[in-house]
Amino acid sequence: MPSRRKLLQSAAGAVTAFPILAEPHQHGGTSAPVPAYKPKWATPAEMKQMAALADLIIPRTDTPGASDAKVHEFIDYTLST
């Protein structure tokens, strides 16, 4: 069985051998603006409540919170199907 050092050396060698894997993926052209979400099941007041409750569970810290991830929109979409 190869040692941990050999595995790390192999992984580092693979990344340097294929520089395309290390570069971030970019699409050509410009991206179109995303239209605002229109609630399908909940009222606008309920959407605000869902966003507030989701932020209580996953608050915004040094990383995005639940409302930043549009959890309330996903809940609305799921309940509408």
N, C-alpha and C. Protein backbone atom coordinates (compact mmCIF):
# COMPACT_ATOMS: atom_id res chain seq x y z
N MET A 1 0.85 -1.18 0.00
CA MET A 1 0.00 0.00 0.00
C MET A 1 0.89 1.23 0.00
N PRO A 2 0.62 2.22 -0.91
CA PRO A 2 1.47 3.41 -0.97
C PRO A 2 1.30 4.26 0.29
N SER A 3 2.38 4.96 0.59
CA SER A 3 2.34 5.83 1.77
C SER A 3 1.54 7.09 1.46
N ARG A 4 1.15 7.78 2.52
CA ARG A 4 0.41 9.02 2.37
C ARG A 4 1.22 10.05 1.58
N ARG A 5 2.52 10.08 1.82
CA ARG A 5 3.39 11.01 1.11
C ARG A 5 3.37 10.77 -0.40
N LYS A 6 3.41 9.49 -0.80
CA LYS A 6 3.37 9.14 -2.23
C LYS A 6 2.04 9.55 -2.85
N LEU A 7 0.95 9.33 -2.11
CA LEU A 7 -0.37 9.72 -2.63
C LEU A 7 -0.46 11.22 -2.83
N LEU A 8 0.07 12.00 -1.86
CA LEU A 8 0.05 13.46 -1.99
C LEU A 8 0.92 13.92 -3.15
N GLN A 9 2.07 13.29 -3.32
CA GLN A 9 2.95 13.64 -4.44
C GLN A 9 2.27 13.33 -5.77
N SER A 10 1.57 12.22 -5.84
CA SER A 10 0.87 11.86 -7.08
C SER A 10 -0.25 12.85 -7.37
N ALA A 11 -0.99 13.23 -6.33
CA ALA A 11 -2.08 14.19 -6.52
C ALA A 11 -1.55 15.54 -6.96
N ALA A 12 -0.46 16.00 -6.36
CA ALA A 12 0.15 17.27 -6.75
C ALA A 12 0.67 17.19 -8.17
N GLY A 13 1.24 16.06 -8.53
CA GLY A 13 1.74 15.88 -9.89
C GLY A 13 0.62 15.90 -10.92
N ALA A 14 -0.52 15.32 -10.56
CA ALA A 14 -1.66 15.31 -11.48
C ALA A 14 -2.18 16.72 -11.73
N VAL A 15 -2.23 17.53 -10.69
CA VAL A 15 -2.72 18.90 -10.84
C VAL A 15 -1.77 19.72 -11.70
N THR A 16 -0.46 19.55 -11.50
CA THR A 16 0.48 20.32 -12.30
C THR A 16 0.58 19.79 -13.72
N ALA A 17 0.28 18.51 -13.92
CA ALA A 17 0.33 17.94 -15.27
C ALA A 17 -0.86 18.41 -16.11
N PHE A 18 -1.97 18.70 -15.46
CA PHE A 18 -3.17 19.14 -16.15
C PHE A 18 -3.58 20.51 -15.62
N PRO A 19 -2.95 21.58 -16.08
CA PRO A 19 -3.24 22.92 -15.53
C PRO A 19 -4.68 23.36 -15.79
N ILE A 20 -5.33 22.78 -16.77
CA ILE A 20 -6.72 23.16 -17.05
C ILE A 20 -7.61 22.83 -15.87
N LEU A 21 -7.26 21.79 -15.08
CA LEU A 21 -8.06 21.42 -13.92
C LEU A 21 -7.95 22.43 -12.79
N ALA A 22 -6.85 23.13 -12.72
CA ALA A 22 -6.63 24.08 -11.64
C ALA A 22 -7.27 25.44 -11.92
N GLU A 23 -7.65 25.71 -13.17
CA GLU A 23 -8.23 27.00 -13.51
C GLU A 23 -9.72 27.01 -13.23
N PRO A 24 -10.28 28.16 -12.80
CA PRO A 24 -11.71 28.23 -12.59
C PRO A 24 -12.46 28.15 -13.92
N HIS A 25 -13.62 27.57 -13.90
CA HIS A 25 -14.42 27.42 -15.11
C HIS A 25 -15.10 28.74 -15.44
N GLN A 26 -15.03 29.15 -16.70
CA GLN A 26 -15.67 30.39 -17.12
C GLN A 26 -16.46 30.14 -18.38
N HIS A 27 -17.64 30.70 -18.42
CA HIS A 27 -18.47 30.62 -19.62
C HIS A 27 -18.18 31.83 -20.49
N GLY A 28 -18.30 31.66 -21.77
CA GLY A 28 -18.10 32.79 -22.67
C GLY A 28 -19.31 33.71 -22.67
N GLY A 29 -19.10 34.94 -23.03
CA GLY A 29 -20.21 35.89 -23.12
C GLY A 29 -20.58 36.47 -21.77
N THR A 30 -21.66 37.23 -21.79
CA THR A 30 -22.12 37.85 -20.56
C THR A 30 -23.32 37.09 -20.03
N SER A 31 -23.50 37.15 -18.75
CA SER A 31 -24.64 36.44 -18.16
C SER A 31 -25.84 37.38 -18.09
N ALA A 32 -27.00 36.84 -18.33
CA ALA A 32 -28.23 37.61 -18.28
C ALA A 32 -28.64 37.79 -16.82
N PRO A 33 -29.25 38.91 -16.48
CA PRO A 33 -29.69 39.10 -15.09
C PRO A 33 -30.79 38.09 -14.75
N VAL A 34 -30.74 37.62 -13.52
CA VAL A 34 -31.73 36.64 -13.05
C VAL A 34 -32.99 37.41 -12.63
N PRO A 35 -34.15 37.03 -13.17
CA PRO A 35 -35.37 37.74 -12.78
C PRO A 35 -35.72 37.47 -11.32
N ALA A 36 -36.43 38.40 -10.72
CA ALA A 36 -36.85 38.26 -9.32
C ALA A 36 -37.81 37.08 -9.19
N TYR A 37 -37.70 36.38 -8.06
CA TYR A 37 -38.54 35.21 -7.82
C TYR A 37 -39.96 35.67 -7.50
N LYS A 38 -40.94 35.01 -8.12
CA LYS A 38 -42.34 35.28 -7.84
C LYS A 38 -42.90 34.10 -7.06
N PRO A 39 -43.39 34.33 -5.84
CA PRO A 39 -43.91 33.22 -5.03
C PRO A 39 -45.01 32.46 -5.74
N LYS A 40 -44.98 31.15 -5.60
CA LYS A 40 -45.96 30.28 -6.25
C LYS A 40 -47.01 29.79 -5.26
N TRP A 41 -46.67 29.70 -3.97
CA TRP A 41 -47.57 29.14 -2.97
C TRP A 41 -47.83 30.12 -1.84
N ALA A 42 -46.80 30.78 -1.34
CA ALA A 42 -46.90 31.66 -0.18
C ALA A 42 -47.18 33.10 -0.60
N THR A 43 -47.71 33.86 0.34
CA THR A 43 -47.92 35.29 0.12
C THR A 43 -46.58 36.01 0.36
N PRO A 44 -46.45 37.25 -0.07
CA PRO A 44 -45.20 37.98 0.19
C PRO A 44 -44.87 38.08 1.69
N ALA A 45 -45.90 38.24 2.53
CA ALA A 45 -45.65 38.30 3.98
C ALA A 45 -45.14 36.96 4.49
N GLU A 46 -45.70 35.86 3.99
CA GLU A 46 -45.24 34.53 4.39
C GLU A 46 -43.82 34.27 3.91
N MET A 47 -43.47 34.80 2.74
CA MET A 47 -42.10 34.65 2.23
C MET A 47 -41.11 35.33 3.17
N LYS A 48 -41.47 36.53 3.67
CA LYS A 48 -40.59 37.23 4.61
C LYS A 48 -40.45 36.45 5.91
N GLN A 49 -41.56 35.85 6.37
CA GLN A 49 -41.51 35.05 7.59
C GLN A 49 -40.64 33.81 7.39
N MET A 50 -40.79 33.14 6.24
CA MET A 50 -39.97 31.96 5.97
C MET A 50 -38.49 32.32 5.92
N ALA A 51 -38.17 33.47 5.31
CA ALA A 51 -36.77 33.90 5.23
C ALA A 51 -36.22 34.18 6.62
N ALA A 52 -37.03 34.82 7.48
CA ALA A 52 -36.58 35.13 8.84
C ALA A 52 -36.38 33.85 9.64
N LEU A 53 -37.30 32.89 9.51
CA LEU A 53 -37.16 31.63 10.24
C LEU A 53 -35.96 30.83 9.75
N ALA A 54 -35.76 30.82 8.45
CA ALA A 54 -34.60 30.10 7.90
C ALA A 54 -33.30 30.72 8.39
N ASP A 55 -33.28 32.06 8.53
CA ASP A 55 -32.08 32.73 9.03
C ASP A 55 -31.84 32.46 10.51
N LEU A 56 -32.89 32.12 11.24
CA LEU A 56 -32.69 31.72 12.64
C LEU A 56 -31.98 30.37 12.72
N ILE A 57 -32.30 29.49 11.77
CA ILE A 57 -31.69 28.17 11.76
C ILE A 57 -30.27 28.23 11.21
N ILE A 58 -30.10 28.93 10.08
CA ILE A 58 -28.77 29.08 9.46
C ILE A 58 -28.49 30.58 9.31
N PRO A 59 -27.94 31.20 10.36
CA PRO A 59 -27.72 32.65 10.32
C PRO A 59 -26.54 33.04 9.45
N ARG A 60 -26.53 34.29 9.07
CA ARG A 60 -25.41 34.84 8.30
C ARG A 60 -24.28 35.14 9.28
N THR A 61 -23.13 34.57 9.03
CA THR A 61 -21.92 34.86 9.82
C THR A 61 -20.88 35.36 8.84
N ASP A 62 -19.71 34.77 8.85
CA ASP A 62 -18.72 35.12 7.83
C ASP A 62 -19.02 34.40 6.52
N THR A 63 -20.05 33.54 6.54
CA THR A 63 -20.54 32.87 5.35
C THR A 63 -21.99 33.26 5.12
N PRO A 64 -22.51 33.10 3.92
CA PRO A 64 -23.90 33.48 3.66
C PRO A 64 -24.87 32.66 4.51
N GLY A 65 -26.01 33.29 4.82
CA GLY A 65 -27.04 32.63 5.59
C GLY A 65 -28.07 31.97 4.69
N ALA A 66 -29.14 31.47 5.31
CA ALA A 66 -30.18 30.75 4.58
C ALA A 66 -30.90 31.64 3.57
N SER A 67 -31.20 32.87 3.96
CA SER A 67 -31.90 33.74 3.01
C SER A 67 -31.00 34.13 1.84
N ASP A 68 -29.69 34.20 2.08
CA ASP A 68 -28.75 34.46 0.99
C ASP A 68 -28.74 33.31 0.00
N ALA A 69 -28.96 32.10 0.51
CA ALA A 69 -29.00 30.91 -0.34
C ALA A 69 -30.39 30.69 -0.94
N LYS A 70 -31.31 31.60 -0.67
CA LYS A 70 -32.67 31.56 -1.21
C LYS A 70 -33.44 30.31 -0.74
N VAL A 71 -33.23 29.94 0.52
CA VAL A 71 -33.92 28.78 1.08
C VAL A 71 -35.42 28.99 1.09
N HIS A 72 -35.86 30.20 1.41
CA HIS A 72 -37.30 30.48 1.45
C HIS A 72 -37.94 30.32 0.07
N GLU A 73 -37.21 30.66 -0.99
CA GLU A 73 -37.72 30.46 -2.34
C GLU A 73 -37.82 28.97 -2.68
N PHE A 74 -36.84 28.19 -2.22
CA PHE A 74 -36.88 26.75 -2.45
C PHE A 74 -38.05 26.11 -1.70
N ILE A 75 -38.29 26.56 -0.48
CA ILE A 75 -39.44 26.04 0.30
C ILE A 75 -40.74 26.35 -0.43
N ASP A 76 -40.88 27.58 -0.91
CA ASP A 76 -42.09 27.96 -1.64
C ASP A 76 -42.27 27.12 -2.89
N TYR A 77 -41.20 26.95 -3.63
CA TYR A 77 -41.25 26.14 -4.85
C TYR A 77 -41.65 24.70 -4.54
N THR A 78 -41.04 24.15 -3.49
CA THR A 78 -41.34 22.76 -3.11
C THR A 78 -42.79 22.59 -2.68
N LEU A 79 -43.31 23.55 -1.93
CA LEU A 79 -44.70 23.45 -1.48
C LEU A 79 -45.70 23.64 -2.62
N SER A 80 -45.27 24.28 -3.69
CA SER A 80 -46.19 24.52 -4.81
C SER A 80 -46.32 23.31 -5.73
N THR A 81 -45.43 22.34 -5.60
CA THR A 81 -45.49 21.18 -6.51
C THR A 81 -46.27 20.05 -5.92
